[in-house]
Amino acid sequence: MSLKKLKFILIAARPNQWVKNLVVFTAILFSGQLFNGHLFTQTLIGFFLLCMLSSTSYILNDIIDYPFDKKHPTKSKRPIAAGQLSIPDGTFIVFILSLTSLVLSLFFSIPFFFVAFVFLLLHFFYSLYFKQKPVLDIFAISFSFMLRAFAGQLITGYHIQIWLILTIFFASLFIASVKRHAELVNHGTSTRSSLSKYKETFLLFMTSTFATMSITSYSLYTFLEVPPVNQTNFSPVFSYIIPNFEARKWLMVTIPLVVYGIARYAQLLYEKEQGEAPEKIIAQDKSLIVTMILWGIIVTSLIYIF
């Protein structure tokens, strides 16, 4: 196999989309075990296996969407749509990646293997059937995020609180709805068959509803759930300054950051119609990047330092 073909295979695998698989770290992060070397290594292995499974589904999706992607101004540049990677080659890669990722998952962990199998099956059915059905298509995307989170729970053995699970569920529905709205507004119904059955007002309703539910779920998580208490050298100092410091619901201070992040994401959708590529929004918008960094610093500090 030539280096040029390997390059096109890597592009078709969409490594820029692998950021979605970071959801697998939810269990280890919020359980206070992020710096547990063994569990972190295990979760990292799970992350790379999920990346392989995701890339399998992306290439399959490009094969099935070939006629639509050729009409799309951006997707037409993908290797399969552009003719740089043939459909037979793509089909062979899907087979090899599916087999390899499932075998590695089986050796890694039997419970993880079952999640990996369901994850792959969900994406296959999404590419073949679900994405043609309005509403069902965005719910299938959301369930794939839930499976990523559940995989992290199985790997670490630590439970993810229900309100945090619901936050992931509604946030992924929000992002998927934004994506569909941007596709409909920017390209009409020519690039995706299910878009002909969507109305812009309905998509606006869904984005508003799921944004509200995401904020509500996260707020309830920060208020109702008790984060793990890690005694550090700083703990006595903060407990002296503020009595019962560790018992206070400090994670609630991150709610404004989540509200702003969702509002900023929606602003980019409605003002610039950029919702079609969520990974680009997250990676390129400075306001969102700063917001996520601040959120990460505060959450990590509250769980692991204070």
Protein backbone atom coordinates (compact mmCIF):
# COMPACT_ATOMS: atom_id res chain seq x y z
CA MET A 1 0.00 0.00 0.00
CA SER A 2 1.41 3.38 -1.01
CA LEU A 3 2.01 6.24 1.40
CA LYS A 4 -0.43 8.34 -0.60
CA LYS A 5 -3.23 5.82 -0.06
CA LEU A 6 -2.38 5.59 3.65
CA LYS A 7 -2.69 9.36 3.82
CA PHE A 8 -6.16 9.23 2.27
CA ILE A 9 -7.19 6.43 4.66
CA LEU A 10 -6.09 8.54 7.62
CA ILE A 11 -8.05 11.53 6.33
CA ALA A 12 -11.12 9.33 5.80
CA ALA A 13 -10.76 8.09 9.40
CA ARG A 14 -11.37 11.71 10.54
CA PRO A 15 -8.94 11.97 13.48
CA ASN A 16 -10.29 15.48 14.13
CA GLN A 17 -13.53 13.79 15.27
CA TRP A 18 -11.80 11.64 17.87
CA VAL A 19 -12.26 14.41 20.43
CA LYS A 20 -15.81 13.08 20.90
CA ASN A 21 -14.36 9.94 22.47
CA LEU A 22 -12.97 11.97 25.38
CA VAL A 23 -16.41 11.42 26.93
CA VAL A 24 -15.01 8.04 28.03
CA PHE A 25 -12.99 9.96 30.66
CA THR A 26 -16.16 11.21 32.38
CA ALA A 27 -16.19 8.42 34.98
CA ILE A 28 -12.53 8.73 35.95
CA LEU A 29 -12.63 12.55 36.05
CA PHE A 30 -15.70 13.01 38.22
CA SER A 31 -14.92 10.07 40.51
CA GLY A 32 -11.69 11.73 41.62
CA GLN A 33 -9.50 9.02 40.04
CA LEU A 34 -8.02 10.94 37.12
CA PHE A 35 -4.50 10.61 38.54
CA ASN A 36 -4.86 6.93 39.28
CA GLY A 37 -2.17 5.61 36.94
CA HIS A 38 -3.71 2.19 36.32
CA LEU A 39 -7.24 3.46 35.72
CA PHE A 40 -5.99 6.32 33.54
CA THR A 41 -4.02 3.88 31.36
CA GLN A 42 -7.03 1.59 31.07
CA THR A 43 -9.28 4.50 30.11
CA LEU A 44 -6.72 5.71 27.58
CA ILE A 45 -6.73 2.27 25.94
CA GLY A 46 -10.52 2.42 25.83
CA PHE A 47 -10.28 5.86 24.23
CA PHE A 48 -8.05 4.58 21.40
CA LEU A 49 -10.31 1.56 20.83
CA LEU A 50 -13.31 3.90 20.57
CA CYS A 51 -11.34 6.00 18.07
CA MET A 52 -10.87 2.89 15.91
CA LEU A 53 -14.57 2.07 16.16
CA SER A 54 -15.54 5.67 15.33
CA SER A 55 -13.27 5.76 12.28
CA THR A 56 -14.85 2.53 11.07
CA SER A 57 -18.28 4.14 11.18
CA TYR A 58 -17.04 7.35 9.50
CA ILE A 59 -15.62 5.46 6.52
CA LEU A 60 -18.77 3.36 6.21
CA ASN A 61 -20.85 6.52 6.35
CA ASP A 62 -18.76 8.09 3.57
CA ILE A 63 -19.31 5.02 1.39
CA ILE A 64 -23.08 5.11 1.87
CA ASP A 65 -23.29 8.91 1.54
CA TYR A 66 -21.13 9.00 -1.56
CA PRO A 67 -23.89 10.37 -3.89
CA PHE A 68 -24.84 13.12 -1.40
CA ASP A 69 -21.28 14.06 -0.42
CA LYS A 70 -20.39 14.73 -4.06
CA LYS A 71 -22.95 17.58 -4.01
CA HIS A 72 -21.69 19.05 -0.74
CA PRO A 73 -19.15 21.93 -0.98
CA THR A 74 -17.06 20.59 1.93
CA LYS A 75 -17.79 16.87 2.09
CA SER A 76 -17.02 16.53 -1.62
CA LYS A 77 -13.35 16.93 -0.64
CA ARG A 78 -13.39 13.77 1.48
CA PRO A 79 -11.24 10.98 -0.02
CA ILE A 80 -14.11 8.70 -1.07
CA ALA A 81 -16.33 11.47 -2.44
CA ALA A 82 -13.33 12.99 -4.25
CA GLY A 83 -12.37 9.64 -5.79
CA GLN A 84 -9.04 9.52 -3.97
CA LEU A 85 -10.08 6.34 -2.19
CA SER A 86 -12.17 3.80 -4.07
CA ILE A 87 -15.35 2.33 -2.60
CA PRO A 88 -13.95 -1.25 -2.71
CA ASP A 89 -10.85 -0.07 -0.82
CA GLY A 90 -13.07 1.75 1.68
CA THR A 91 -15.22 -1.36 2.17
CA PHE A 92 -12.12 -3.48 2.81
CA ILE A 93 -10.84 -0.94 5.37
CA VAL A 94 -14.22 -0.98 7.16
CA PHE A 95 -14.05 -4.78 7.40
CA ILE A 96 -10.45 -4.80 8.70
CA LEU A 97 -11.04 -1.98 11.20
CA SER A 98 -14.26 -3.58 12.48
CA LEU A 99 -12.61 -6.96 12.98
CA THR A 100 -9.44 -5.54 14.53
CA SER A 101 -11.21 -3.18 16.95
CA LEU A 102 -13.63 -5.87 18.13
CA VAL A 103 -10.87 -8.46 18.65
CA LEU A 104 -8.76 -5.94 20.58
CA SER A 105 -11.83 -4.97 22.64
CA LEU A 106 -12.43 -8.62 23.50
CA PHE A 107 -8.85 -9.04 24.74
CA PHE A 108 -9.07 -5.75 26.63
CA SER A 109 -12.27 -6.51 28.55
CA ILE A 110 -15.33 -8.67 27.93
CA PRO A 111 -17.78 -6.02 29.26
CA PHE A 112 -16.04 -3.40 27.09
CA PHE A 113 -16.33 -5.75 24.10
CA PHE A 114 -20.12 -5.83 24.43
CA VAL A 115 -20.25 -2.03 24.60
CA ALA A 116 -17.92 -1.82 21.60
CA PHE A 117 -20.11 -4.25 19.67
CA VAL A 118 -23.27 -2.28 20.44
CA PHE A 119 -21.44 0.98 19.60
CA LEU A 120 -20.37 -0.37 16.22
CA LEU A 121 -23.81 -1.86 15.56
CA LEU A 122 -25.49 1.45 16.41
CA HIS A 123 -23.26 3.35 14.00
CA PHE A 124 -23.79 0.78 11.25
CA PHE A 125 -27.57 1.03 11.63
CA TYR A 126 -27.24 4.81 11.79
CA SER A 127 -25.40 4.90 8.46
CA LEU A 128 -27.78 2.42 6.84
CA TYR A 129 -31.13 3.44 8.32
CA PHE A 130 -31.38 5.80 11.32
CA LYS A 131 -29.91 8.87 9.63
CA GLN A 132 -32.72 8.75 7.07
CA LYS A 133 -35.32 9.13 9.81
CA PRO A 134 -35.84 12.59 11.33
CA VAL A 135 -35.49 12.83 15.12
CA LEU A 136 -34.36 9.20 15.28
CA ASP A 137 -31.11 10.26 13.62
CA ILE A 138 -30.15 12.76 16.33
CA PHE A 139 -31.19 10.36 19.09
CA ALA A 140 -28.88 7.71 17.61
CA ILE A 141 -26.02 10.22 17.78
CA SER A 142 -26.86 10.97 21.41
CA PHE A 143 -26.95 7.29 22.34
CA SER A 144 -23.46 6.88 20.89
CA PHE A 145 -22.22 9.50 23.38
CA MET A 146 -24.02 7.66 26.18
CA LEU A 147 -22.23 4.45 25.19
CA ARG A 148 -18.88 6.25 25.33
CA ALA A 149 -19.65 7.40 28.87
CA PHE A 150 -20.88 3.94 29.86
CA ALA A 151 -17.68 2.41 28.46
CA GLY A 152 -15.66 4.61 30.81
CA GLN A 153 -17.82 3.46 33.70
CA LEU A 154 -17.18 -0.20 32.86
CA ILE A 155 -13.45 0.38 32.49
CA THR A 156 -13.01 2.12 35.84
CA GLY A 157 -15.78 0.51 37.87
CA TYR A 158 -16.86 3.97 39.05
CA HIS A 159 -20.49 5.03 38.72
CA ILE A 160 -21.47 8.14 36.73
CA GLN A 161 -24.20 10.09 38.50
CA ILE A 162 -27.56 10.14 36.74
CA TRP A 163 -27.70 13.92 36.34
CA LEU A 164 -24.28 13.88 34.69
CA ILE A 165 -25.42 11.13 32.34
CA LEU A 166 -28.50 13.21 31.47
CA THR A 167 -26.26 16.24 30.87
CA ILE A 168 -24.28 14.25 28.30
CA PHE A 169 -27.53 12.98 26.77
CA PHE A 170 -29.16 16.40 26.35
CA ALA A 171 -25.94 18.19 25.36
CA SER A 172 -25.32 15.70 22.54
CA LEU A 173 -28.94 16.12 21.39
CA PHE A 174 -28.40 19.88 21.39
CA ILE A 175 -25.22 19.63 19.29
CA ALA A 176 -26.87 17.19 16.86
CA SER A 177 -29.90 19.50 16.46
CA VAL A 178 -27.61 22.47 15.82
CA LYS A 179 -25.79 20.44 13.17
CA ARG A 180 -29.02 19.50 11.39
CA HIS A 181 -30.22 23.12 11.47
CA ALA A 182 -26.98 24.38 9.94
CA GLU A 183 -27.11 21.70 7.22
CA LEU A 184 -30.71 22.61 6.35
CA VAL A 185 -30.07 26.36 6.23
CA ASN A 186 -26.76 26.16 4.37
CA HIS A 187 -27.46 23.41 1.84
CA GLY A 188 -31.19 22.68 1.82
CA THR A 189 -32.23 19.06 1.38
CA SER A 190 -29.78 18.03 -1.35
CA THR A 191 -27.00 16.77 0.95
CA ARG A 192 -29.02 14.61 3.37
CA SER A 193 -32.30 12.80 2.68
CA SER A 194 -33.69 13.22 6.22
CA LEU A 195 -33.46 17.01 5.95
CA SER A 196 -36.47 17.03 3.62
CA LYS A 197 -38.57 15.91 6.58
CA TYR A 198 -37.28 18.60 8.95
CA LYS A 199 -38.68 22.10 9.31
CA GLU A 200 -36.44 24.94 10.43
CA THR A 201 -38.87 25.97 13.17
CA PHE A 202 -38.91 22.41 14.52
CA LEU A 203 -35.11 22.28 14.61
CA LEU A 204 -35.05 25.63 16.42
CA PHE A 205 -37.52 24.23 18.94
CA MET A 206 -35.32 21.17 19.51
CA THR A 207 -32.12 23.19 19.93
CA SER A 208 -33.84 25.46 22.45
CA THR A 209 -35.37 22.54 24.36
CA PHE A 210 -32.19 20.48 24.52
CA ALA A 211 -30.09 23.50 25.48
CA THR A 212 -32.46 24.19 28.38
CA MET A 213 -32.42 20.55 29.48
CA SER A 214 -28.61 20.44 29.30
CA ILE A 215 -28.29 23.45 31.60
CA THR A 216 -30.98 22.10 33.95
CA SER A 217 -29.38 18.65 34.19
CA TYR A 218 -25.91 20.05 34.82
CA SER A 219 -27.24 22.47 37.43
CA LEU A 220 -29.01 19.64 39.25
CA TYR A 221 -25.84 17.55 39.11
CA THR A 222 -23.77 20.30 40.74
CA PHE A 223 -26.44 20.88 43.41
CA LEU A 224 -27.60 17.35 44.25
CA GLU A 225 -24.52 15.21 43.75
CA VAL A 226 -21.64 15.19 46.22
CA PRO A 227 -18.26 15.17 44.43
CA PRO A 228 -15.48 12.95 45.84
CA VAL A 229 -13.45 14.46 48.65
CA ASN A 230 -9.70 14.20 48.12
CA GLN A 231 -7.72 15.34 51.15
CA THR A 232 -4.68 17.32 50.00
CA ASN A 233 -2.16 19.59 51.68
CA PHE A 234 -4.44 22.52 50.84
CA SER A 235 -7.58 21.00 52.41
CA PRO A 236 -6.89 22.05 56.05
CA VAL A 237 -6.14 25.61 54.91
CA PHE A 238 -9.39 26.01 53.02
CA SER A 239 -11.37 24.28 55.79
CA TYR A 240 -9.88 26.76 58.30
CA ILE A 241 -10.78 29.77 56.14
CA ILE A 242 -14.26 28.44 55.24
CA PRO A 243 -15.67 25.89 57.73
CA ASN A 244 -16.96 22.70 56.09
CA PHE A 245 -15.37 23.86 52.84
CA GLU A 246 -15.43 20.39 51.28
CA ALA A 247 -19.15 19.96 52.04
CA ARG A 248 -20.22 23.05 50.15
CA LYS A 249 -21.56 22.73 46.61
CA TRP A 250 -18.70 24.54 44.92
CA LEU A 251 -19.24 22.91 41.53
CA MET A 252 -22.22 25.24 41.15
CA VAL A 253 -19.79 28.07 40.37
CA THR A 254 -19.21 26.39 36.99
CA ILE A 255 -22.86 26.74 35.95
CA PRO A 256 -22.37 30.23 34.41
CA LEU A 257 -19.53 28.84 32.27
CA VAL A 258 -21.78 26.05 30.97
CA VAL A 259 -24.61 28.52 30.27
CA TYR A 260 -22.22 30.84 28.43
CA GLY A 261 -20.70 27.96 26.44
CA ILE A 262 -24.11 26.82 25.23
CA ALA A 263 -25.17 30.41 24.48
CA ARG A 264 -21.97 31.06 22.54
CA TYR A 265 -22.41 27.84 20.58
CA ALA A 266 -25.97 28.88 19.69
CA GLN A 267 -24.74 32.35 18.71
CA LEU A 268 -22.30 30.85 16.23
CA LEU A 269 -25.18 28.83 14.79
CA TYR A 270 -27.63 31.65 14.36
CA GLU A 271 -25.22 34.44 13.38
CA LYS A 272 -22.59 32.57 11.37
CA GLU A 273 -24.29 29.24 10.56
CA GLN A 274 -21.24 27.30 11.73
CA GLY A 275 -23.07 24.48 13.50
CA GLU A 276 -22.47 22.01 10.66
CA ALA A 277 -18.99 21.20 11.96
CA PRO A 278 -19.08 21.08 15.80
CA GLU A 279 -15.44 20.05 16.08
CA LYS A 280 -14.36 23.16 14.14
CA ILE A 281 -16.42 25.46 16.34
CA ILE A 282 -14.91 23.99 19.48
CA ALA A 283 -11.36 24.07 18.12
CA GLN A 284 -11.42 27.52 16.48
CA ASP A 285 -13.62 29.81 18.57
CA LYS A 286 -11.45 31.55 21.17
CA SER A 287 -14.35 32.31 23.50
CA LEU A 288 -15.39 28.66 23.64
CA ILE A 289 -11.81 27.49 24.10
CA VAL A 290 -11.26 29.88 27.03
CA THR A 291 -14.59 28.87 28.55
CA MET A 292 -13.77 25.15 28.35
CA ILE A 293 -10.28 25.69 29.79
CA LEU A 294 -11.69 27.69 32.71
CA TRP A 295 -14.35 25.04 33.30
CA GLY A 296 -11.71 22.29 33.25
CA ILE A 297 -9.40 24.16 35.64
CA ILE A 298 -12.18 24.91 38.13
CA VAL A 299 -13.66 21.39 38.08
CA THR A 300 -10.24 19.75 38.39
CA SER A 301 -9.22 22.13 41.18
CA LEU A 302 -12.43 21.56 43.16
CA ILE A 303 -12.19 17.77 42.89
CA TYR A 304 -8.43 17.24 43.15
CA ILE A 305 -6.89 20.23 44.96
CA PHE A 306 -9.28 22.01 47.30
